[in-house]
């Protein structure tokens, strides 16, 4: 899925004045939206690992790619995906999304 955050996005004036950068939470929101577009509504999500490697600037195109997580879940009903947000061949962000039950310590 390709994404472009426009120059008029409401988060940009405060992040950062004079040199706007798309906030990571906006990028992650698009990642979750892309995942739900592909798989339908999901139960509560966790992002146990996320790395932001380069900034995404307003108006830049990026694409979101998903793959099954390399570690299978041992929790029944839990699903995991790895994601990468790419600008050309450069990785902007990557991480893991987990959907489903949370293990209890009890």
N, C-alpha and C. Protein backbone atom coordinates (compact mmCIF):
# COMPACT_ATOMS: atom_id res chain seq x y z
N UNK A 1 0.85 -1.17 0.00
CA UNK A 1 0.00 0.00 0.00
C UNK A 1 0.89 1.23 0.00
N UNK A 2 0.57 2.19 -0.83
CA UNK A 2 1.33 3.43 -0.87
C UNK A 2 0.62 4.50 -0.02
N UNK A 3 1.42 5.30 0.67
CA UNK A 3 0.89 6.39 1.48
C UNK A 3 1.62 7.68 1.13
N UNK A 4 0.90 8.78 1.26
CA UNK A 4 1.48 10.12 1.16
C UNK A 4 0.77 10.97 2.21
N UNK A 5 1.53 11.59 3.08
CA UNK A 5 0.95 12.49 4.09
C UNK A 5 1.07 13.90 3.52
N UNK A 6 -0.05 14.52 3.27
CA UNK A 6 -0.06 15.85 2.64
C UNK A 6 0.50 16.94 3.53
N UNK A 7 0.91 18.02 2.90
CA UNK A 7 1.46 19.18 3.60
C UNK A 7 0.44 19.82 4.54
N UNK A 8 -0.85 19.52 4.33
CA UNK A 8 -1.91 20.13 5.14
C UNK A 8 -2.35 19.24 6.32
N UNK A 9 -1.64 18.15 6.58
CA UNK A 9 -2.03 17.27 7.69
C UNK A 9 -2.00 18.06 9.00
N UNK A 10 -3.00 17.92 9.86
CA UNK A 10 -3.09 18.74 11.08
C UNK A 10 -1.96 18.54 12.09
N UNK A 11 -1.20 17.46 11.99
CA UNK A 11 -0.11 17.25 12.96
C UNK A 11 1.16 18.01 12.60
N UNK A 12 1.26 18.50 11.39
CA UNK A 12 2.53 19.05 10.92
C UNK A 12 2.92 20.41 11.49
N UNK A 13 2.00 21.34 11.72
CA UNK A 13 2.45 22.65 12.21
C UNK A 13 3.27 22.59 13.50
N UNK A 14 3.00 21.66 14.36
CA UNK A 14 3.76 21.58 15.61
C UNK A 14 4.89 20.56 15.57
N UNK A 15 5.15 19.96 14.40
CA UNK A 15 6.11 18.85 14.35
C UNK A 15 6.98 18.93 13.10
N UNK A 16 7.76 19.76 12.86
CA UNK A 16 8.38 20.81 13.66
C UNK A 16 8.26 22.11 12.88
N UNK A 17 7.97 23.23 13.54
CA UNK A 17 7.78 24.50 12.84
C UNK A 17 8.99 24.84 11.97
N UNK A 18 8.69 25.18 10.71
CA UNK A 18 9.74 25.55 9.78
C UNK A 18 10.38 24.39 9.04
N UNK A 19 10.30 23.20 9.58
CA UNK A 19 10.86 21.98 8.93
C UNK A 19 10.00 20.79 9.34
N UNK A 20 8.79 20.70 8.78
CA UNK A 20 7.87 19.65 9.21
C UNK A 20 8.36 18.24 8.88
N UNK A 21 8.12 17.35 9.82
CA UNK A 21 8.41 15.92 9.69
C UNK A 21 7.13 15.19 10.09
N UNK A 22 6.76 14.16 9.34
CA UNK A 22 5.56 13.40 9.67
C UNK A 22 5.81 12.66 10.99
N UNK A 23 4.98 12.88 12.01
CA UNK A 23 5.16 12.18 13.28
C UNK A 23 5.06 10.66 13.13
N UNK A 24 5.83 9.95 13.91
CA UNK A 24 5.82 8.49 13.87
C UNK A 24 4.44 7.91 14.11
N UNK A 25 3.66 8.53 14.99
CA UNK A 25 2.33 8.01 15.28
C UNK A 25 1.43 8.09 14.05
N UNK A 26 1.64 9.06 13.19
CA UNK A 26 0.86 9.16 11.95
C UNK A 26 1.27 8.03 11.00
N UNK A 27 2.55 7.76 10.90
CA UNK A 27 3.03 6.64 10.08
C UNK A 27 2.44 5.33 10.59
N UNK A 28 2.49 5.12 11.91
CA UNK A 28 1.95 3.88 12.49
C UNK A 28 0.44 3.77 12.28
N UNK A 29 -0.26 4.89 12.33
CA UNK A 29 -1.70 4.87 12.06
C UNK A 29 -1.97 4.36 10.65
N UNK A 30 -1.15 4.77 9.70
CA UNK A 30 -1.31 4.30 8.31
C UNK A 30 -0.94 2.82 8.19
N UNK A 31 0.04 2.37 8.95
CA UNK A 31 0.41 0.95 8.95
C UNK A 31 -0.77 0.11 9.44
N UNK A 32 -1.37 0.51 10.56
CA UNK A 32 -2.51 -0.22 11.11
C UNK A 32 -3.68 -0.20 10.14
N UNK A 33 -3.95 0.95 9.51
CA UNK A 33 -5.04 1.05 8.54
C UNK A 33 -4.80 0.11 7.36
N UNK A 34 -3.56 0.01 6.89
CA UNK A 34 -3.24 -0.89 5.79
C UNK A 34 -3.43 -2.34 6.20
N UNK A 35 -3.04 -2.68 7.42
CA UNK A 35 -3.20 -4.05 7.91
C UNK A 35 -4.68 -4.41 8.00
N UNK A 36 -5.50 -3.49 8.51
CA UNK A 36 -6.93 -3.76 8.62
C UNK A 36 -7.60 -3.77 7.25
N UNK A 37 -7.08 -3.01 6.31
CA UNK A 37 -7.62 -3.07 4.95
C UNK A 37 -7.39 -4.46 4.35
N UNK A 38 -6.25 -5.04 4.65
CA UNK A 38 -5.91 -6.36 4.11
C UNK A 38 -6.58 -7.50 4.86
N UNK A 39 -6.80 -7.34 6.17
CA UNK A 39 -7.27 -8.47 7.00
C UNK A 39 -8.60 -8.21 7.69
N UNK A 40 -9.20 -7.07 7.49
CA UNK A 40 -10.45 -6.74 8.16
C UNK A 40 -10.19 -6.23 9.57
N UNK A 41 -11.26 -5.91 10.29
CA UNK A 41 -11.10 -5.40 11.66
C UNK A 41 -10.33 -6.40 12.52
N UNK A 42 -9.44 -5.88 13.34
CA UNK A 42 -8.60 -6.72 14.19
C UNK A 42 -8.88 -6.43 15.66
N UNK A 43 -8.61 -7.41 16.53
CA UNK A 43 -8.73 -7.16 17.98
C UNK A 43 -7.67 -6.17 18.41
N UNK A 44 -7.64 -5.80 19.67
CA UNK A 44 -6.62 -4.85 20.13
C UNK A 44 -5.22 -5.26 19.66
N UNK A 45 -4.45 -4.24 19.29
CA UNK A 45 -3.11 -4.46 18.75
C UNK A 45 -2.04 -4.03 19.73
N UNK A 46 -0.90 -4.69 19.62
CA UNK A 46 0.31 -4.27 20.34
C UNK A 46 1.42 -4.12 19.31
N UNK A 47 2.33 -3.23 19.58
CA UNK A 47 3.50 -3.04 18.73
C UNK A 47 4.72 -3.23 19.62
N UNK A 48 5.15 -4.48 19.83
CA UNK A 48 6.24 -4.73 20.77
C UNK A 48 7.59 -4.23 20.29
N UNK A 49 7.70 -4.00 18.99
CA UNK A 49 8.98 -3.51 18.47
C UNK A 49 8.70 -2.60 17.29
N UNK A 50 9.22 -1.37 17.36
CA UNK A 50 9.14 -0.42 16.25
C UNK A 50 10.44 0.35 16.20
N UNK A 51 10.97 0.50 15.00
CA UNK A 51 12.17 1.32 14.80
C UNK A 51 11.89 2.34 13.72
N UNK A 52 12.22 3.59 14.00
CA UNK A 52 12.15 4.65 13.01
C UNK A 52 13.58 4.95 12.59
N UNK A 53 13.88 4.73 11.33
CA UNK A 53 15.25 4.84 10.84
C UNK A 53 15.52 6.13 10.08
N UNK A 54 14.49 6.66 9.43
CA UNK A 54 14.62 7.90 8.67
C UNK A 54 13.31 8.66 8.77
N UNK A 55 13.37 9.99 8.65
CA UNK A 55 12.12 10.75 8.70
C UNK A 55 11.35 10.63 7.39
N UNK A 56 10.05 10.75 7.51
CA UNK A 56 9.17 10.88 6.35
C UNK A 56 8.75 12.33 6.28
N UNK A 57 8.96 12.96 5.15
CA UNK A 57 8.61 14.36 4.99
C UNK A 57 7.24 14.48 4.33
N UNK A 58 6.52 15.57 4.61
CA UNK A 58 5.22 15.77 3.98
C UNK A 58 5.34 15.72 2.46
N UNK A 59 4.40 15.05 1.82
CA UNK A 59 4.39 14.97 0.37
C UNK A 59 5.21 13.83 -0.20
N UNK A 60 6.05 13.18 0.61
CA UNK A 60 6.84 12.06 0.13
C UNK A 60 5.99 10.79 0.08
N UNK A 61 6.18 10.02 -0.97
CA UNK A 61 5.48 8.74 -1.09
C UNK A 61 6.29 7.66 -0.38
N UNK A 62 5.56 6.79 0.30
CA UNK A 62 6.18 5.63 0.96
C UNK A 62 5.24 4.46 0.74
N UNK A 63 5.77 3.27 0.88
CA UNK A 63 4.91 2.08 0.76
C UNK A 63 5.06 1.22 2.00
N UNK A 64 3.98 0.54 2.32
CA UNK A 64 3.93 -0.33 3.49
C UNK A 64 3.90 -1.77 3.00
N UNK A 65 4.79 -2.59 3.55
CA UNK A 65 4.83 -4.01 3.22
C UNK A 65 4.71 -4.83 4.49
N UNK A 66 4.00 -5.95 4.38
CA UNK A 66 3.80 -6.85 5.52
C UNK A 66 4.33 -8.24 5.18
N UNK A 67 4.73 -8.95 6.21
CA UNK A 67 5.12 -10.35 6.09
C UNK A 67 4.75 -11.01 7.41
N UNK A 68 4.48 -12.31 7.39
CA UNK A 68 4.24 -13.00 8.66
C UNK A 68 5.47 -12.86 9.55
N UNK A 69 5.25 -12.77 10.84
CA UNK A 69 6.37 -12.67 11.79
C UNK A 69 7.19 -13.94 11.72
N UNK A 70 8.49 -13.80 11.94
CA UNK A 70 9.38 -14.96 11.86
C UNK A 70 9.23 -15.88 13.06
N UNK A 71 8.68 -15.37 14.15
CA UNK A 71 8.47 -16.18 15.36
C UNK A 71 6.98 -16.47 15.48
N UNK A 72 6.62 -17.73 15.46
CA UNK A 72 5.22 -18.12 15.59
C UNK A 72 4.74 -17.85 17.01
N UNK A 73 3.50 -17.47 17.13
CA UNK A 73 2.93 -17.20 18.44
C UNK A 73 2.55 -18.50 19.13
N UNK A 74 2.82 -18.55 20.43
CA UNK A 74 2.40 -19.71 21.21
C UNK A 74 1.08 -19.43 21.93
N UNK A 75 0.50 -18.26 21.70
CA UNK A 75 -0.76 -17.89 22.34
C UNK A 75 -1.90 -18.17 21.36
N UNK A 76 -2.87 -19.00 21.73
CA UNK A 76 -4.00 -19.29 20.84
C UNK A 76 -4.73 -18.00 20.44
N UNK A 77 -5.02 -17.88 19.16
CA UNK A 77 -5.77 -16.73 18.67
C UNK A 77 -4.95 -15.49 18.40
N UNK A 78 -3.67 -15.52 18.69
CA UNK A 78 -2.81 -14.37 18.47
C UNK A 78 -2.20 -14.46 17.07
N UNK A 79 -2.14 -13.31 16.38
CA UNK A 79 -1.51 -13.25 15.05
C UNK A 79 -0.44 -12.17 15.07
N UNK A 80 0.63 -12.40 14.31
CA UNK A 80 1.77 -11.47 14.27
C UNK A 80 2.16 -11.18 12.83
N UNK A 81 2.58 -9.93 12.61
CA UNK A 81 3.10 -9.52 11.31
C UNK A 81 4.33 -8.64 11.52
N UNK A 82 5.25 -8.71 10.58
CA UNK A 82 6.36 -7.77 10.48
C UNK A 82 5.93 -6.72 9.45
N UNK A 83 6.35 -5.49 9.65
CA UNK A 83 6.06 -4.46 8.65
C UNK A 83 7.32 -3.66 8.35
N UNK A 84 7.33 -3.12 7.15
CA UNK A 84 8.36 -2.19 6.71
C UNK A 84 7.68 -1.04 6.00
N UNK A 85 8.11 0.18 6.29
CA UNK A 85 7.66 1.36 5.57
C UNK A 85 8.87 1.82 4.78
N UNK A 86 8.72 1.86 3.46
CA UNK A 86 9.85 2.12 2.56
C UNK A 86 9.62 3.36 1.70
N UNK A 87 10.67 4.11 1.51
CA UNK A 87 10.69 5.22 0.54
C UNK A 87 11.73 4.79 -0.49
N UNK A 88 11.25 4.35 -1.66
CA UNK A 88 12.16 3.74 -2.62
C UNK A 88 12.71 2.46 -2.01
N UNK A 89 14.04 2.36 -1.93
CA UNK A 89 14.65 1.19 -1.31
C UNK A 89 15.05 1.44 0.14
N UNK A 90 14.85 2.66 0.62
CA UNK A 90 15.25 3.02 1.99
C UNK A 90 14.14 2.71 2.98
N UNK A 91 14.50 2.06 4.07
CA UNK A 91 13.54 1.76 5.12
C UNK A 91 13.37 2.98 6.02
N UNK A 92 12.14 3.42 6.18
CA UNK A 92 11.80 4.54 7.06
C UNK A 92 11.50 4.02 8.45
N UNK A 93 10.71 2.94 8.50
CA UNK A 93 10.32 2.36 9.79
C UNK A 93 10.10 0.86 9.60
N UNK A 94 10.26 0.12 10.68
CA UNK A 94 9.98 -1.31 10.65
C UNK A 94 9.56 -1.74 12.05
N UNK A 95 8.94 -2.89 12.12
CA UNK A 95 8.53 -3.38 13.43
C UNK A 95 7.63 -4.58 13.34
N UNK A 96 6.97 -4.85 14.44
CA UNK A 96 6.09 -6.00 14.57
C UNK A 96 4.76 -5.56 15.15
N UNK A 97 3.69 -6.14 14.62
CA UNK A 97 2.34 -5.90 15.13
C UNK A 97 1.79 -7.23 15.60
N UNK A 98 1.18 -7.22 16.79
CA UNK A 98 0.57 -8.42 17.36
C UNK A 98 -0.90 -8.12 17.58
N UNK A 99 -1.76 -9.00 17.08
CA UNK A 99 -3.21 -8.87 17.27
C UNK A 99 -3.71 -10.08 18.05
N UNK A 100 -4.54 -9.82 19.02
CA UNK A 100 -5.14 -10.94 19.73
C UNK A 100 -4.91 -10.89 21.22
N UNK A 101 -5.13 -12.03 21.84
CA UNK A 101 -5.09 -12.11 23.30
C UNK A 101 -3.75 -11.68 23.88
N UNK A 102 -3.82 -11.15 25.08
CA UNK A 102 -2.63 -10.79 25.84
C UNK A 102 -2.42 -11.88 26.88
N UNK A 103 -1.18 -12.34 26.98
CA UNK A 103 -0.90 -13.37 27.99
C UNK A 103 -1.08 -12.78 29.38
N UNK A 104 -1.64 -13.54 30.27
CA UNK A 104 -1.85 -13.10 31.63
C UNK A 104 -0.73 -13.61 32.52
N UNK A 105 -0.33 -12.80 33.49
CA UNK A 105 0.69 -13.21 34.46
C UNK A 105 0.07 -14.00 35.61
N UNK A 106 -1.25 -14.06 35.64
CA UNK A 106 -1.93 -14.72 36.76
C UNK A 106 -1.84 -16.21 36.68
